[in-house]
Amino acid sequence: MVEELLEKYRQLTSSQKLFFELLVFVYIGSRNGKGIAIEAQTIKKVVNGEIKHKYVYTVVVDEEDN
């Protein structure tokens, strides 16, 4: 099962890998009693007549004990 998951992970694009890693970070942090939020922002630009997308993820961690 782990090998299958690793194979699927390797097939992800870099943006998908980043998002997956952020989700893992949030899951682990929430299990440890931390308040965590992800702010997602999409920036669109026209480059040489093509629309390009840039995805920005900001992770906010509340370090105070809950």
PDB file of N, CA and C in Angstrom:
ATOM      1  N   MET A   1       0.822  -1.192   0.000  1.00  0.00           N
ATOM      2  CA  MET A   1       0.000   0.000   0.000  1.00  0.00           C
ATOM      3  C   MET A   1       0.867   1.257   0.000  1.00  0.00           C
ATOM      4  N   VAL A   2       1.912   1.286   0.805  1.00  0.00           N
ATOM      5  CA  VAL A   2       2.787   2.456   0.865  1.00  0.00           C
ATOM      6  C   VAL A   2       3.467   2.683  -0.479  1.00  0.00           C
ATOM      7  N   GLU A   3       3.901   1.596  -1.114  1.00  0.00           N
ATOM      8  CA  GLU A   3       4.548   1.714  -2.421  1.00  0.00           C
ATOM      9  C   GLU A   3       3.591   2.291  -3.458  1.00  0.00           C
ATOM     10  N   GLU A   4       2.319   1.892  -3.406  1.00  0.00           N
ATOM     11  CA  GLU A   4       1.316   2.424  -4.332  1.00  0.00           C
ATOM     12  C   GLU A   4       1.117   3.920  -4.107  1.00  0.00           C
ATOM     13  N   LEU A   5       1.070   4.320  -2.847  1.00  0.00           N
ATOM     14  CA  LEU A   5       0.904   5.743  -2.539  1.00  0.00           C
ATOM     15  C   LEU A   5       2.107   6.553  -3.002  1.00  0.00           C
ATOM     16  N   LEU A   6       3.305   6.019  -2.802  1.00  0.00           N
ATOM     17  CA  LEU A   6       4.508   6.718  -3.259  1.00  0.00           C
ATOM     18  C   LEU A   6       4.522   6.863  -4.775  1.00  0.00           C
ATOM     19  N   GLU A   7       4.084   5.831  -5.467  1.00  0.00           N
ATOM     20  CA  GLU A   7       4.030   5.892  -6.936  1.00  0.00           C
ATOM     21  C   GLU A   7       3.053   6.973  -7.395  1.00  0.00           C
ATOM     22  N   LYS A   8       1.896   7.046  -6.750  1.00  0.00           N
ATOM     23  CA  LYS A   8       0.918   8.086  -7.098  1.00  0.00           C
ATOM     24  C   LYS A   8       1.464   9.471  -6.762  1.00  0.00           C
ATOM     25  N   TYR A   9       2.161   9.591  -5.637  1.00  0.00           N
ATOM     26  CA  TYR A   9       2.747  10.873  -5.239  1.00  0.00           C
ATOM     27  C   TYR A   9       3.765  11.340  -6.283  1.00  0.00           C
ATOM     28  N   ARG A  10       4.563  10.425  -6.798  1.00  0.00           N
ATOM     29  CA  ARG A  10       5.581  10.773  -7.799  1.00  0.00           C
ATOM     30  C   ARG A  10       4.962  11.277  -9.096  1.00  0.00           C
ATOM     31  N   GLN A  11       3.728  10.906  -9.365  1.00  0.00           N
ATOM     32  CA  GLN A  11       3.060  11.320 -10.596  1.00  0.00           C
ATOM     33  C   GLN A  11       2.413  12.699 -10.487  1.00  0.00           C
ATOM     34  N   LEU A  12       2.368  13.263  -9.298  1.00  0.00           N
ATOM     35  CA  LEU A  12       1.754  14.576  -9.110  1.00  0.00           C
ATOM     36  C   LEU A  12       2.644  15.677  -9.674  1.00  0.00           C
ATOM     37  N   THR A  13       2.014  16.779 -10.070  1.00  0.00           N
ATOM     38  CA  THR A  13       2.786  17.951 -10.480  1.00  0.00           C
ATOM     39  C   THR A  13       3.356  18.615  -9.238  1.00  0.00           C
ATOM     40  N   SER A  14       4.278  19.538  -9.419  1.00  0.00           N
ATOM     41  CA  SER A  14       4.890  20.198  -8.259  1.00  0.00           C
ATOM     42  C   SER A  14       3.853  20.977  -7.453  1.00  0.00           C
ATOM     43  N   SER A  15       2.873  21.595  -8.107  1.00  0.00           N
ATOM     44  CA  SER A  15       1.819  22.319  -7.386  1.00  0.00           C
ATOM     45  C   SER A  15       0.968  21.365  -6.566  1.00  0.00           C
ATOM     46  N   GLN A  16       0.656  20.212  -7.147  1.00  0.00           N
ATOM     47  CA  GLN A  16      -0.140  19.223  -6.423  1.00  0.00           C
ATOM     48  C   GLN A  16       0.631  18.668  -5.230  1.00  0.00           C
ATOM     49  N   LYS A  17       1.941  18.444  -5.402  1.00  0.00           N
ATOM     50  CA  LYS A  17       2.765  17.958  -4.289  1.00  0.00           C
ATOM     51  C   LYS A  17       2.789  18.976  -3.159  1.00  0.00           C
ATOM     52  N   LEU A  18       2.938  20.255  -3.499  1.00  0.00           N
ATOM     53  CA  LEU A  18       2.959  21.303  -2.480  1.00  0.00           C
ATOM     54  C   LEU A  18       1.653  21.318  -1.708  1.00  0.00           C
ATOM     55  N   PHE A  19       0.532  21.261  -2.412  1.00  0.00           N
ATOM     56  CA  PHE A  19      -0.761  21.286  -1.748  1.00  0.00           C
ATOM     57  C   PHE A  19      -0.932  20.060  -0.854  1.00  0.00           C
ATOM     58  N   PHE A  20      -0.530  18.897  -1.323  1.00  0.00           N
ATOM     59  CA  PHE A  20      -0.606  17.668  -0.535  1.00  0.00           C
ATOM     60  C   PHE A  20       0.226  17.798   0.739  1.00  0.00           C
ATOM     61  N   GLU A  21       1.445  18.331   0.613  1.00  0.00           N
ATOM     62  CA  GLU A  21       2.316  18.497   1.776  1.00  0.00           C
ATOM     63  C   GLU A  21       1.721  19.482   2.772  1.00  0.00           C
ATOM     64  N   LEU A  22       1.056  20.527   2.288  1.00  0.00           N
ATOM     65  CA  LEU A  22       0.386  21.466   3.189  1.00  0.00           C
ATOM     66  C   LEU A  22      -0.753  20.785   3.936  1.00  0.00           C
ATOM     67  N   LEU A  23      -1.510  19.947   3.243  1.00  0.00           N
ATOM     68  CA  LEU A  23      -2.595  19.224   3.907  1.00  0.00           C
ATOM     69  C   LEU A  23      -2.063  18.301   4.995  1.00  0.00           C
ATOM     70  N   VAL A  24      -0.960  17.623   4.721  1.00  0.00           N
ATOM     71  CA  VAL A  24      -0.341  16.756   5.726  1.00  0.00           C
ATOM     72  C   VAL A  24       0.103  17.586   6.924  1.00  0.00           C
ATOM     73  N   PHE A  25       0.722  18.742   6.671  1.00  0.00           N
ATOM     74  CA  PHE A  25       1.168  19.636   7.738  1.00  0.00           C
ATOM     75  C   PHE A  25      -0.012  20.063   8.609  1.00  0.00           C
ATOM     76  N   VAL A  26      -1.121  20.431   7.969  1.00  0.00           N
ATOM     77  CA  VAL A  26      -2.311  20.858   8.713  1.00  0.00           C
ATOM     78  C   VAL A  26      -2.879  19.702   9.519  1.00  0.00           C
ATOM     79  N   TYR A  27      -2.940  18.524   8.937  1.00  0.00           N
ATOM     80  CA  TYR A  27      -3.481  17.364   9.647  1.00  0.00           C
ATOM     81  C   TYR A  27      -2.650  17.057  10.889  1.00  0.00           C
ATOM     82  N   ILE A  28      -1.338  16.998  10.722  1.00  0.00           N
ATOM     83  CA  ILE A  28      -0.458  16.692  11.855  1.00  0.00           C
ATOM     84  C   ILE A  28      -0.544  17.796  12.901  1.00  0.00           C
ATOM     85  N   GLY A  29      -0.547  19.043  12.472  1.00  0.00           N
ATOM     86  CA  GLY A  29      -0.631  20.165  13.412  1.00  0.00           C
ATOM     87  C   GLY A  29      -1.935  20.174  14.179  1.00  0.00           C
ATOM     88  N   SER A  30      -3.035  19.879  13.495  1.00  0.00           N
ATOM     89  CA  SER A  30      -4.324  19.882  14.182  1.00  0.00           C
ATOM     90  C   SER A  30      -4.411  18.730  15.179  1.00  0.00           C
ATOM     91  N   ARG A  31      -3.745  17.623  14.873  1.00  0.00           N
ATOM     92  CA  ARG A  31      -3.727  16.504  15.809  1.00  0.00           C
ATOM     93  C   ARG A  31      -2.902  16.840  17.052  1.00  0.00           C
ATOM     94  N   ASN A  32      -1.976  17.784  16.918  1.00  0.00           N
ATOM     95  CA  ASN A  32      -1.142  18.196  18.046  1.00  0.00           C
ATOM     96  C   ASN A  32      -1.725  19.403  18.777  1.00  0.00           C
ATOM     97  N   GLY A  33      -2.965  19.761  18.485  1.00  0.00           N
ATOM     98  CA  GLY A  33      -3.637  20.833  19.201  1.00  0.00           C
ATOM     99  C   GLY A  33      -3.288  22.234  18.736  1.00  0.00           C
ATOM    100  N   LYS A  34      -2.717  22.383  17.562  1.00  0.00           N
ATOM    101  CA  LYS A  34      -2.382  23.707  17.045  1.00  0.00           C
ATOM    102  C   LYS A  34      -3.506  24.201  16.145  1.00  0.00           C
ATOM    103  N   GLY A  35      -3.764  25.498  16.206  1.00  0.00           N
ATOM    104  CA  GLY A  35      -4.727  26.099  15.288  1.00  0.00           C
ATOM    105  C   GLY A  35      -4.006  26.464  13.997  1.00  0.00           C
ATOM    106  N   ILE A  36      -4.403  25.867  12.896  1.00  0.00           N
ATOM    107  CA  ILE A  36      -3.705  26.068  11.629  1.00  0.00           C
ATOM    108  C   ILE A  36      -4.720  26.432  10.550  1.00  0.00           C
ATOM    109  N   ALA A  37      -4.353  27.387   9.709  1.00  0.00           N
ATOM    110  CA  ALA A  37      -5.199  27.770   8.581  1.00  0.00           C
ATOM    111  C   ALA A  37      -4.347  27.895   7.328  1.00  0.00           C
ATOM    112  N   ILE A  38      -4.946  27.586   6.182  1.00  0.00           N
ATOM    113  CA  ILE A  38      -4.277  27.770   4.894  1.00  0.00           C
ATOM    114  C   ILE A  38      -5.068  28.800   4.103  1.00  0.00           C
ATOM    115  N   GLU A  39      -4.379  29.825   3.658  1.00  0.00           N
ATOM    116  CA  GLU A  39      -4.991  30.819   2.783  1.00  0.00           C
ATOM    117  C   GLU A  39      -4.485  30.544   1.372  1.00  0.00           C
ATOM    118  N   ALA A  40      -5.395  30.322   0.442  1.00  0.00           N
ATOM    119  CA  ALA A  40      -5.015  30.040  -0.947  1.00  0.00           C
ATOM    120  C   ALA A  40      -5.339  31.248  -1.817  1.00  0.00           C
ATOM    121  N   GLN A  41      -4.416  31.581  -2.694  1.00  0.00           N
ATOM    122  CA  GLN A  41      -4.607  32.718  -3.588  1.00  0.00           C
ATOM    123  C   GLN A  41      -4.169  32.302  -4.990  1.00  0.00           C
ATOM    124  N   THR A  42      -4.980  32.629  -5.982  1.00  0.00           N
ATOM    125  CA  THR A  42      -4.642  32.355  -7.378  1.00  0.00           C
ATOM    126  C   THR A  42      -4.376  33.679  -8.076  1.00  0.00           C
ATOM    127  N   ILE A  43      -3.233  33.776  -8.725  1.00  0.00           N
ATOM    128  CA  ILE A  43      -2.868  34.980  -9.464  1.00  0.00           C
ATOM    129  C   ILE A  43      -2.848  34.615 -10.947  1.00  0.00           C
ATOM    130  N   LYS A  44      -3.598  35.382 -11.736  1.00  0.00           N
ATOM    131  CA  LYS A  44      -3.641  35.134 -13.182  1.00  0.00           C
ATOM    132  C   LYS A  44      -2.899  36.251 -13.898  1.00  0.00           C
ATOM    133  N   LYS A  45      -2.045  35.873 -14.855  1.00  0.00           N
ATOM    134  CA  LYS A  45      -1.316  36.837 -15.676  1.00  0.00           C
ATOM    135  C   LYS A  45      -1.385  36.392 -17.125  1.00  0.00           C
ATOM    136  N   VAL A  46      -1.355  37.371 -18.027  1.00  0.00           N
ATOM    137  CA  VAL A  46      -1.273  37.051 -19.448  1.00  0.00           C
ATOM    138  C   VAL A  46       0.184  37.220 -19.869  1.00  0.00           C
ATOM    139  N   VAL A  47       0.786  36.131 -20.352  1.00  0.00           N
ATOM    140  CA  VAL A  47       2.178  36.130 -20.797  1.00  0.00           C
ATOM    141  C   VAL A  47       2.205  35.639 -22.242  1.00  0.00           C
ATOM    142  N   ASN A  48       2.670  36.492 -23.128  1.00  0.00           N
ATOM    143  CA  ASN A  48       2.726  36.145 -24.563  1.00  0.00           C
ATOM    144  C   ASN A  48       1.384  35.642 -25.085  1.00  0.00           C
ATOM    145  N   GLY A  49       0.311  36.295 -24.660  1.00  0.00           N
ATOM    146  CA  GLY A  49      -1.020  35.926 -25.134  1.00  0.00           C
ATOM    147  C   GLY A  49      -1.631  34.719 -24.444  1.00  0.00           C
ATOM    148  N   GLU A  50      -0.927  34.116 -23.493  1.00  0.00           N
ATOM    149  CA  GLU A  50      -1.451  32.952 -22.769  1.00  0.00           C
ATOM    150  C   GLU A  50      -1.731  33.329 -21.319  1.00  0.00           C
ATOM    151  N   ILE A  51      -2.813  32.784 -20.782  1.00  0.00           N
ATOM    152  CA  ILE A  51      -3.135  33.014 -19.372  1.00  0.00           C
ATOM    153  C   ILE A  51      -2.328  32.033 -18.533  1.00  0.00           C
ATOM    154  N   LYS A  52      -1.554  32.568 -17.601  1.00  0.00           N
ATOM    155  CA  LYS A  52      -0.745  31.747 -16.692  1.00  0.00           C
ATOM    156  C   LYS A  52      -1.327  31.884 -15.283  1.00  0.00           C
ATOM    157  N   HIS A  53      -1.322  30.793 -14.547  1.00  0.00           N
ATOM    158  CA  HIS A  53      -1.819  30.794 -13.170  1.00  0.00           C
ATOM    159  C   HIS A  53      -0.666  30.564 -12.210  1.00  0.00           C
ATOM    160  N   LYS A  54      -0.685  31.300 -11.122  1.00  0.00           N
ATOM    161  CA  LYS A  54       0.289  31.103 -10.048  1.00  0.00           C
ATOM    162  C   LYS A  54      -0.521  30.888  -8.773  1.00  0.00           C
ATOM    163  N   TYR A  55      -0.177  29.852  -8.046  1.00  0.00           N
ATOM    164  CA  TYR A  55      -0.898  29.528  -6.822  1.00  0.00           C
ATOM    165  C   TYR A  55      -0.013  29.840  -5.624  1.00  0.00           C
ATOM    166  N   VAL A  56      -0.558  30.609  -4.689  1.00  0.00           N
ATOM    167  CA  VAL A  56       0.184  30.992  -3.493  1.00  0.00           C
ATOM    168  C   VAL A  56      -0.582  30.463  -2.281  1.00  0.00           C
ATOM    169  N   TYR A  57       0.101  29.680  -1.463  1.00  0.00           N
ATOM    170  CA  TYR A  57      -0.503  29.144  -0.248  1.00  0.00           C
ATOM    171  C   TYR A  57       0.233  29.718   0.956  1.00  0.00           C
ATOM    172  N   THR A  58      -0.519  30.282   1.882  1.00  0.00           N
ATOM    173  CA  THR A  58       0.054  30.824   3.104  1.00  0.00           C
ATOM    174  C   THR A  58      -0.466  29.997   4.276  1.00  0.00           C
ATOM    175  N   VAL A  59       0.445  29.511   5.099  1.00  0.00           N
ATOM    176  CA  VAL A  59       0.070  28.709   6.262  1.00  0.00           C
ATOM    177  C   VAL A  59       0.236  29.563   7.512  1.00  0.00           C
ATOM    178  N   VAL A  60      -0.818  29.631   8.310  1.00  0.00           N
ATOM    179  CA  VAL A  60      -0.798  30.395   9.557  1.00  0.00           C
ATOM    180  C   VAL A  60      -0.954  29.411  10.708  1.00  0.00           C
ATOM    181  N   VAL A  61      -0.030  29.471  11.665  1.00  0.00           N
ATOM    182  CA  VAL A  61      -0.053  28.550  12.800  1.00  0.00           C
ATOM    183  C   VAL A  61      -0.217  29.351  14.083  1.00  0.00           C
ATOM    184  N   ASP A  62      -1.223  28.989  14.870  1.00  0.00           N
ATOM    185  CA  ASP A  62      -1.431  29.595  16.181  1.00  0.00           C
ATOM    186  C   ASP A  62      -0.593  28.800  17.175  1.00  0.00           C
ATOM    187  N   GLU A  63       0.473  29.415  17.672  1.00  0.00           N
ATOM    188  CA  GLU A  63       1.410  28.708  18.555  1.00  0.00           C
ATOM    189  C   GLU A  63       0.921  28.600  19.998  1.00  0.00           C
ATOM    190  N   GLU A  64      -0.166  29.281  20.333  1.00  0.00           N
ATOM    191  CA  GLU A  64      -0.654  29.240  21.708  1.00  0.00           C
ATOM    192  C   GLU A  64      -1.314  27.898  21.987  1.00  0.00           C
ATOM    193  N   ASP A  65      -1.214  27.450  23.223  1.00  0.00           N
ATOM    194  CA  ASP A  65      -1.865  26.201  23.616  1.00  0.00           C
ATOM    195  C   ASP A  65      -3.370  26.384  23.607  1.00  0.00           C
ATOM    196  N   ASN A  66      -4.068  25.368  23.110  1.00  0.00           N
ATOM    197  CA  ASN A  66      -5.539  25.414  23.078  1.00  0.00           C
ATOM    198  C   ASN A  66      -6.104  24.752  24.302  1.00  0.00           C
TER     199      ASN A  66
END
